[in-house]
Amino acid sequence: MKTVDLEHLDTPSGYGPLGFRRYGETKLMNILWTRELARRLDGSGVTANAVHPGGVRSNLGNPAPWQRALVRPFLVPPEPGAETSVFLATDPSVAATTGGYWARRRPADAKLTAAARDDDLARRLWDANVELTGAAGA
C-alpha cells in the first residue's frame, strides 16, 4: 500500500526518476490533509475538498522544450483545468459538500486508495505538519 513517510516530510531527496514517486506521495498528502481539514472544520460552515484538475498546460516543474512539445497535446488549457475548483467554490448545489475528492466536477472518492481513506494517517500527517511548521493545531 502506498503511504506517506511521516518521518521525512521535509527531506528534499527521494524524488526518484523524474520526481514521480514524490509527486504521487504529495498528491496523497494533499488528499489526506484536506480530509483532515474538513473533519476539523466540521460544523463551521467552511468546506474543504481535494481536486484533481487533470493534466493542465502550465510551467509546473519548468519542463524542457522537448518535454512540453511531447506532452502538450495531452494537456488541457488552464481554464478547463480550473472548472472543478470553480464549481466547488461557487455552485450552491455543493455548498455543504466537504472532505471529498473531485475530478471533472464529479465526486471521485471511489477512485481513492485505502491509504487516501486512512483517517488515522490523515490525523498523523496533520500533526506532523504542525510539528514541522510550529503552527498551532486546530
N, C-alpha and C. Protein backbone atom coordinates (compact mmCIF):
# COMPACT_ATOMS: atom_id res chain seq x y z
N MET A 1 0.85 -1.18 0.00
CA MET A 1 0.00 0.00 0.00
C MET A 1 0.89 1.23 0.00
N LYS A 2 0.63 2.15 -0.90
CA LYS A 2 1.34 3.42 -0.93
C LYS A 2 0.94 4.22 0.29
N THR A 3 1.93 4.79 0.97
CA THR A 3 1.65 5.55 2.16
C THR A 3 2.57 6.77 2.20
N VAL A 4 2.62 7.43 3.33
CA VAL A 4 3.41 8.64 3.50
C VAL A 4 4.47 8.39 4.56
N ASP A 5 5.69 8.77 4.27
CA ASP A 5 6.79 8.65 5.23
C ASP A 5 6.76 9.90 6.11
N LEU A 6 6.07 9.82 7.23
CA LEU A 6 5.89 10.96 8.11
C LEU A 6 7.18 11.41 8.78
N GLU A 7 8.17 10.54 8.82
CA GLU A 7 9.44 10.88 9.45
C GLU A 7 10.33 11.73 8.56
N HIS A 8 10.01 11.80 7.27
CA HIS A 8 10.89 12.51 6.33
C HIS A 8 10.12 13.48 5.44
N LEU A 9 9.15 14.17 6.01
CA LEU A 9 8.35 15.09 5.21
C LEU A 9 9.16 16.26 4.66
N ASP A 10 10.19 16.66 5.38
CA ASP A 10 10.97 17.81 4.95
C ASP A 10 12.26 17.44 4.23
N THR A 11 12.39 16.18 3.82
CA THR A 11 13.58 15.72 3.13
C THR A 11 13.49 16.08 1.65
N PRO A 12 14.47 16.82 1.14
CA PRO A 12 14.41 17.22 -0.27
C PRO A 12 14.82 16.11 -1.24
N SER A 13 15.32 14.98 -0.73
CA SER A 13 15.75 13.90 -1.61
C SER A 13 14.65 12.84 -1.72
N GLY A 14 14.92 11.82 -2.53
CA GLY A 14 13.98 10.71 -2.66
C GLY A 14 12.95 10.92 -3.74
N TYR A 15 13.23 11.82 -4.65
CA TYR A 15 12.25 12.10 -5.70
C TYR A 15 12.26 11.04 -6.79
N GLY A 16 13.34 10.27 -6.91
CA GLY A 16 13.40 9.21 -7.90
C GLY A 16 13.45 9.75 -9.31
N PRO A 17 13.38 8.87 -10.29
CA PRO A 17 13.44 9.30 -11.69
C PRO A 17 12.29 10.27 -12.01
N LEU A 18 12.65 11.44 -12.46
CA LEU A 18 11.70 12.48 -12.87
C LEU A 18 10.80 12.96 -11.74
N GLY A 19 11.03 12.53 -10.52
CA GLY A 19 10.26 13.00 -9.38
C GLY A 19 8.88 12.38 -9.21
N PHE A 20 8.57 11.34 -9.94
CA PHE A 20 7.22 10.78 -9.92
C PHE A 20 6.84 10.17 -8.57
N ARG A 21 7.80 9.54 -7.87
CA ARG A 21 7.47 8.93 -6.59
C ARG A 21 7.04 10.01 -5.60
N ARG A 22 7.82 11.06 -5.50
CA ARG A 22 7.48 12.13 -4.55
C ARG A 22 6.23 12.87 -5.00
N TYR A 23 6.05 13.03 -6.30
CA TYR A 23 4.85 13.69 -6.81
C TYR A 23 3.61 12.92 -6.36
N GLY A 24 3.62 11.60 -6.53
CA GLY A 24 2.48 10.78 -6.10
C GLY A 24 2.26 10.86 -4.61
N GLU A 25 3.36 10.89 -3.85
CA GLU A 25 3.24 11.00 -2.40
C GLU A 25 2.62 12.34 -2.00
N THR A 26 2.99 13.41 -2.69
CA THR A 26 2.41 14.72 -2.35
C THR A 26 0.94 14.80 -2.74
N LYS A 27 0.54 14.12 -3.78
CA LYS A 27 -0.89 14.08 -4.13
C LYS A 27 -1.67 13.35 -3.04
N LEU A 28 -1.12 12.25 -2.56
CA LEU A 28 -1.74 11.52 -1.45
C LEU A 28 -1.84 12.41 -0.22
N MET A 29 -0.76 13.13 0.09
CA MET A 29 -0.77 14.02 1.25
C MET A 29 -1.80 15.14 1.08
N ASN A 30 -1.97 15.63 -0.13
CA ASN A 30 -2.97 16.67 -0.38
C ASN A 30 -4.37 16.17 -0.04
N ILE A 31 -4.68 14.95 -0.45
CA ILE A 31 -6.00 14.37 -0.16
C ILE A 31 -6.17 14.14 1.34
N LEU A 32 -5.15 13.55 1.97
CA LEU A 32 -5.23 13.28 3.41
C LEU A 32 -5.38 14.57 4.21
N TRP A 33 -4.57 15.56 3.90
CA TRP A 33 -4.60 16.82 4.64
C TRP A 33 -5.95 17.51 4.48
N THR A 34 -6.50 17.47 3.26
CA THR A 34 -7.80 18.09 3.01
C THR A 34 -8.90 17.37 3.77
N ARG A 35 -8.85 16.05 3.80
CA ARG A 35 -9.86 15.29 4.56
C ARG A 35 -9.80 15.64 6.05
N GLU A 36 -8.58 15.77 6.57
CA GLU A 36 -8.43 16.13 7.99
C GLU A 36 -8.88 17.56 8.23
N LEU A 37 -8.58 18.47 7.33
CA LEU A 37 -9.05 19.85 7.45
C LEU A 37 -10.57 19.89 7.48
N ALA A 38 -11.21 19.15 6.58
CA ALA A 38 -12.68 19.10 6.55
C ALA A 38 -13.23 18.56 7.87
N ARG A 39 -12.57 17.54 8.41
CA ARG A 39 -13.02 16.98 9.70
C ARG A 39 -12.90 18.03 10.81
N ARG A 40 -11.81 18.76 10.82
CA ARG A 40 -11.59 19.76 11.86
C ARG A 40 -12.52 20.97 11.71
N LEU A 41 -12.97 21.23 10.50
CA LEU A 41 -13.87 22.36 10.25
C LEU A 41 -15.34 21.97 10.33
N ASP A 42 -15.62 20.70 10.58
CA ASP A 42 -17.00 20.22 10.62
C ASP A 42 -17.86 21.10 11.52
N GLY A 43 -18.98 21.52 10.99
CA GLY A 43 -19.92 22.34 11.74
C GLY A 43 -19.65 23.83 11.67
N SER A 44 -18.55 24.23 11.05
CA SER A 44 -18.18 25.64 10.99
C SER A 44 -18.81 26.37 9.80
N GLY A 45 -19.32 25.61 8.82
CA GLY A 45 -19.84 26.22 7.61
C GLY A 45 -18.77 26.41 6.54
N VAL A 46 -17.53 26.07 6.85
CA VAL A 46 -16.43 26.17 5.89
C VAL A 46 -16.19 24.77 5.32
N THR A 47 -16.00 24.69 4.02
CA THR A 47 -15.79 23.39 3.38
C THR A 47 -14.37 23.29 2.82
N ALA A 48 -13.92 22.06 2.65
CA ALA A 48 -12.61 21.78 2.07
C ALA A 48 -12.72 20.51 1.24
N ASN A 49 -12.29 20.57 0.00
CA ASN A 49 -12.31 19.42 -0.88
C ASN A 49 -11.01 19.35 -1.67
N ALA A 50 -10.55 18.14 -1.96
CA ALA A 50 -9.38 17.95 -2.80
C ALA A 50 -9.86 17.81 -4.25
N VAL A 51 -9.07 18.36 -5.17
CA VAL A 51 -9.48 18.39 -6.57
C VAL A 51 -8.36 17.86 -7.46
N HIS A 52 -8.74 17.02 -8.41
CA HIS A 52 -7.82 16.57 -9.44
C HIS A 52 -8.19 17.32 -10.71
N PRO A 53 -7.37 18.29 -11.13
CA PRO A 53 -7.73 19.09 -12.30
C PRO A 53 -7.45 18.40 -13.63
N GLY A 54 -6.78 17.27 -13.59
CA GLY A 54 -6.35 16.63 -14.83
C GLY A 54 -5.02 17.20 -15.26
N GLY A 55 -4.56 16.80 -16.41
CA GLY A 55 -3.31 17.33 -16.93
C GLY A 55 -3.54 18.71 -17.50
N VAL A 56 -2.91 19.71 -16.93
CA VAL A 56 -3.14 21.10 -17.32
C VAL A 56 -1.85 21.69 -17.90
N ARG A 57 -1.99 22.43 -18.99
CA ARG A 57 -0.85 23.13 -19.57
C ARG A 57 -0.38 24.21 -18.62
N SER A 58 0.81 24.03 -18.10
CA SER A 58 1.40 25.02 -17.20
C SER A 58 2.91 24.87 -17.30
N ASN A 59 3.61 25.67 -16.56
CA ASN A 59 5.06 25.54 -16.49
C ASN A 59 5.49 24.81 -15.23
N LEU A 60 4.57 24.03 -14.65
CA LEU A 60 4.87 23.26 -13.45
C LEU A 60 6.11 22.42 -13.70
N GLY A 61 7.08 22.57 -12.85
CA GLY A 61 8.31 21.80 -12.98
C GLY A 61 9.26 22.38 -14.02
N ASN A 62 8.89 23.49 -14.64
CA ASN A 62 9.72 24.13 -15.65
C ASN A 62 10.24 23.11 -16.67
N PRO A 63 9.33 22.45 -17.40
CA PRO A 63 9.76 21.40 -18.32
C PRO A 63 10.62 21.94 -19.46
N ALA A 64 11.49 21.08 -19.93
CA ALA A 64 12.32 21.43 -21.09
C ALA A 64 11.42 21.56 -22.32
N PRO A 65 11.84 22.32 -23.32
CA PRO A 65 11.01 22.50 -24.51
C PRO A 65 10.57 21.18 -25.16
N TRP A 66 11.46 20.19 -25.21
CA TRP A 66 11.08 18.92 -25.82
C TRP A 66 10.02 18.20 -25.00
N GLN A 67 10.07 18.35 -23.66
CA GLN A 67 9.06 17.74 -22.80
C GLN A 67 7.71 18.41 -23.02
N ARG A 68 7.72 19.74 -23.10
CA ARG A 68 6.49 20.48 -23.35
C ARG A 68 5.85 20.04 -24.67
N ALA A 69 6.67 19.93 -25.71
CA ALA A 69 6.16 19.55 -27.03
C ALA A 69 5.60 18.13 -27.01
N LEU A 70 6.21 17.27 -26.24
CA LEU A 70 5.78 15.87 -26.18
C LEU A 70 4.43 15.71 -25.48
N VAL A 71 4.22 16.41 -24.37
CA VAL A 71 3.01 16.21 -23.59
C VAL A 71 1.90 17.22 -23.88
N ARG A 72 2.22 18.32 -24.51
CA ARG A 72 1.23 19.37 -24.76
C ARG A 72 -0.07 18.87 -25.38
N PRO A 73 -0.04 17.98 -26.36
CA PRO A 73 -1.31 17.52 -26.95
C PRO A 73 -2.23 16.80 -25.97
N PHE A 74 -1.69 16.34 -24.85
CA PHE A 74 -2.49 15.60 -23.88
C PHE A 74 -3.00 16.47 -22.73
N LEU A 75 -2.65 17.74 -22.74
CA LEU A 75 -2.99 18.63 -21.64
C LEU A 75 -4.09 19.60 -22.03
N VAL A 76 -4.87 20.02 -21.04
CA VAL A 76 -5.94 20.99 -21.28
C VAL A 76 -5.45 22.38 -20.89
N PRO A 77 -6.04 23.42 -21.47
CA PRO A 77 -5.68 24.78 -21.07
C PRO A 77 -6.07 25.03 -19.61
N PRO A 78 -5.50 26.06 -18.97
CA PRO A 78 -5.78 26.32 -17.56
C PRO A 78 -7.26 26.51 -17.23
N GLU A 79 -8.03 27.13 -18.10
CA GLU A 79 -9.45 27.38 -17.79
C GLU A 79 -10.23 26.10 -17.55
N PRO A 80 -10.18 25.12 -18.46
CA PRO A 80 -10.88 23.86 -18.16
C PRO A 80 -10.29 23.14 -16.96
N GLY A 81 -9.00 23.29 -16.74
CA GLY A 81 -8.37 22.66 -15.58
C GLY A 81 -8.89 23.22 -14.27
N ALA A 82 -9.37 24.46 -14.29
CA ALA A 82 -9.87 25.10 -13.07
C ALA A 82 -11.37 24.89 -12.87
N GLU A 83 -12.06 24.28 -13.81
CA GLU A 83 -13.52 24.16 -13.74
C GLU A 83 -14.02 23.50 -12.46
N THR A 84 -13.39 22.43 -12.03
CA THR A 84 -13.87 21.73 -10.83
C THR A 84 -13.68 22.58 -9.59
N SER A 85 -12.55 23.26 -9.49
CA SER A 85 -12.31 24.14 -8.34
C SER A 85 -13.32 25.28 -8.31
N VAL A 86 -13.57 25.88 -9.46
CA VAL A 86 -14.54 26.99 -9.53
C VAL A 86 -15.94 26.47 -9.20
N PHE A 87 -16.29 25.30 -9.71
CA PHE A 87 -17.58 24.68 -9.43
C PHE A 87 -17.78 24.50 -7.92
N LEU A 88 -16.79 23.91 -7.26
CA LEU A 88 -16.90 23.66 -5.82
C LEU A 88 -16.97 24.96 -5.01
N ALA A 89 -16.34 25.99 -5.51
CA ALA A 89 -16.32 27.27 -4.78
C ALA A 89 -17.57 28.11 -5.00
N THR A 90 -18.31 27.84 -6.08
CA THR A 90 -19.40 28.75 -6.43
C THR A 90 -20.78 28.12 -6.59
N ASP A 91 -20.87 26.84 -6.83
CA ASP A 91 -22.17 26.24 -7.13
C ASP A 91 -22.94 25.93 -5.84
N PRO A 92 -24.14 26.49 -5.70
CA PRO A 92 -24.93 26.26 -4.48
C PRO A 92 -25.25 24.78 -4.22
N SER A 93 -25.28 23.97 -5.26
CA SER A 93 -25.64 22.56 -5.08
C SER A 93 -24.59 21.78 -4.28
N VAL A 94 -23.38 22.31 -4.17
CA VAL A 94 -22.33 21.63 -3.42
C VAL A 94 -21.81 22.50 -2.27
N ALA A 95 -22.60 23.48 -1.87
CA ALA A 95 -22.16 24.43 -0.84
C ALA A 95 -21.81 23.76 0.49
N ALA A 96 -22.45 22.67 0.81
CA ALA A 96 -22.19 21.99 2.09
C ALA A 96 -21.32 20.75 1.92
N THR A 97 -20.85 20.50 0.71
CA THR A 97 -20.03 19.31 0.44
C THR A 97 -18.61 19.54 0.93
N THR A 98 -18.11 18.62 1.73
CA THR A 98 -16.77 18.80 2.29
C THR A 98 -16.09 17.45 2.47
N GLY A 99 -14.76 17.49 2.43
CA GLY A 99 -13.97 16.28 2.68
C GLY A 99 -13.89 15.33 1.51
N GLY A 100 -14.33 15.76 0.34
CA GLY A 100 -14.35 14.87 -0.81
C GLY A 100 -13.17 15.04 -1.74
N TYR A 101 -13.11 14.15 -2.69
CA TYR A 101 -12.11 14.18 -3.75
C TYR A 101 -12.88 14.30 -5.05
N TRP A 102 -12.57 15.31 -5.86
CA TRP A 102 -13.35 15.64 -7.04
C TRP A 102 -12.50 15.68 -8.31
N ALA A 103 -13.11 15.28 -9.41
CA ALA A 103 -12.50 15.37 -10.73
C ALA A 103 -13.62 15.58 -11.75
N ARG A 104 -13.39 16.46 -12.68
CA ARG A 104 -14.38 16.74 -13.74
C ARG A 104 -15.75 17.09 -13.18
N ARG A 105 -15.75 17.89 -12.12
CA ARG A 105 -16.98 18.38 -11.48
C ARG A 105 -17.83 17.26 -10.88
N ARG A 106 -17.22 16.13 -10.59
CA ARG A 106 -17.94 15.00 -10.01
C ARG A 106 -17.13 14.42 -8.85
N PRO A 107 -17.83 13.84 -7.87
CA PRO A 107 -17.10 13.16 -6.80
C PRO A 107 -16.29 12.01 -7.38
N ALA A 108 -15.06 11.87 -6.92
CA ALA A 108 -14.19 10.80 -7.40
C ALA A 108 -13.66 9.97 -6.24
N ASP A 109 -14.37 10.00 -5.11
CA ASP A 109 -13.94 9.28 -3.91
C ASP A 109 -13.79 7.78 -4.16
N ALA A 110 -14.57 7.23 -5.07
CA ALA A 110 -14.50 5.80 -5.35
C ALA A 110 -13.13 5.41 -5.91
N LYS A 111 -12.38 6.37 -6.44
CA LYS A 111 -11.07 6.10 -7.01
C LYS A 111 -9.94 6.18 -5.98
N LEU A 112 -10.27 6.58 -4.75
CA LEU A 112 -9.25 6.72 -3.73
C LEU A 112 -8.72 5.38 -3.26
N THR A 113 -7.43 5.34 -3.00
CA THR A 113 -6.81 4.13 -2.46
C THR A 113 -7.14 4.01 -0.97
N ALA A 114 -6.82 2.86 -0.41
CA ALA A 114 -7.03 2.67 1.03
C ALA A 114 -6.21 3.69 1.82
N ALA A 115 -5.00 3.99 1.37
CA ALA A 115 -4.17 4.97 2.08
C ALA A 115 -4.82 6.34 2.07
N ALA A 116 -5.46 6.72 0.98
CA ALA A 116 -6.11 8.03 0.88
C ALA A 116 -7.36 8.12 1.74
N ARG A 117 -7.88 6.98 2.17
CA ARG A 117 -9.07 6.94 3.04
C ARG A 117 -8.71 6.73 4.51
N ASP A 118 -7.43 6.69 4.81
CA ASP A 118 -6.95 6.36 6.14
C ASP A 118 -7.04 7.59 7.06
N ASP A 119 -8.09 7.66 7.86
CA ASP A 119 -8.30 8.82 8.73
C ASP A 119 -7.21 8.95 9.79
N ASP A 120 -6.68 7.84 10.28
CA ASP A 120 -5.61 7.90 11.26
C ASP A 120 -4.35 8.50 10.62
N LEU A 121 -4.03 8.08 9.40
CA LEU A 121 -2.87 8.63 8.69
C LEU A 121 -3.08 10.12 8.44
N ALA A 122 -4.31 10.52 8.12
CA ALA A 122 -4.60 11.95 7.90
C ALA A 122 -4.34 12.75 9.17
N ARG A 123 -4.75 12.24 10.32
CA ARG A 123 -4.51 12.93 11.59
C ARG A 123 -3.01 13.00 11.90
N ARG A 124 -2.31 11.90 11.66
CA ARG A 124 -0.88 11.88 11.94
C ARG A 124 -0.11 12.81 10.99
N LEU A 125 -0.56 12.90 9.73
CA LEU A 125 0.05 13.84 8.78
C LEU A 125 -0.17 15.27 9.26
N TRP A 126 -1.38 15.58 9.69
CA TRP A 126 -1.69 16.91 10.20
C TRP A 126 -0.76 17.26 11.37
N ASP A 127 -0.67 16.33 12.32
CA ASP A 127 0.16 16.57 13.50
C ASP A 127 1.63 16.75 13.12
N ALA A 128 2.10 15.97 12.17
CA ALA A 128 3.50 16.09 11.72
C ALA A 128 3.73 17.46 11.08
N ASN A 129 2.75 17.95 10.32
CA ASN A 129 2.87 19.27 9.71
C ASN A 129 2.88 20.37 10.77
N VAL A 130 2.04 20.23 11.78
CA VAL A 130 2.03 21.20 12.87
C VAL A 130 3.38 21.23 13.55
N GLU A 131 3.95 20.06 13.80
CA GLU A 131 5.26 19.98 14.44
C GLU A 131 6.35 20.60 13.56
N LEU A 132 6.32 20.31 12.26
CA LEU A 132 7.33 20.85 11.35
C LEU A 132 7.26 22.36 11.21
N THR A 133 6.05 22.89 11.16
CA THR A 133 5.87 24.32 10.90
C THR A 133 5.78 25.16 12.16
N GLY A 134 5.50 24.52 13.28
CA GLY A 134 5.31 25.27 14.51
C GLY A 134 3.97 25.97 14.57
N ALA A 135 3.09 25.66 13.62
CA ALA A 135 1.75 26.26 13.60
C ALA A 135 0.90 25.63 14.70
N ALA A 136 -0.01 26.39 15.21
CA ALA A 136 -0.91 25.88 16.23
C ALA A 136 -1.87 24.87 15.61
N GLY A 137 -2.07 23.75 16.25
CA GLY A 137 -3.00 22.74 15.76
C GLY A 137 -4.43 23.14 16.07
N ALA A 138 -5.33 22.81 15.16
CA ALA A 138 -6.75 23.13 15.37
C ALA A 138 -7.42 22.05 16.18
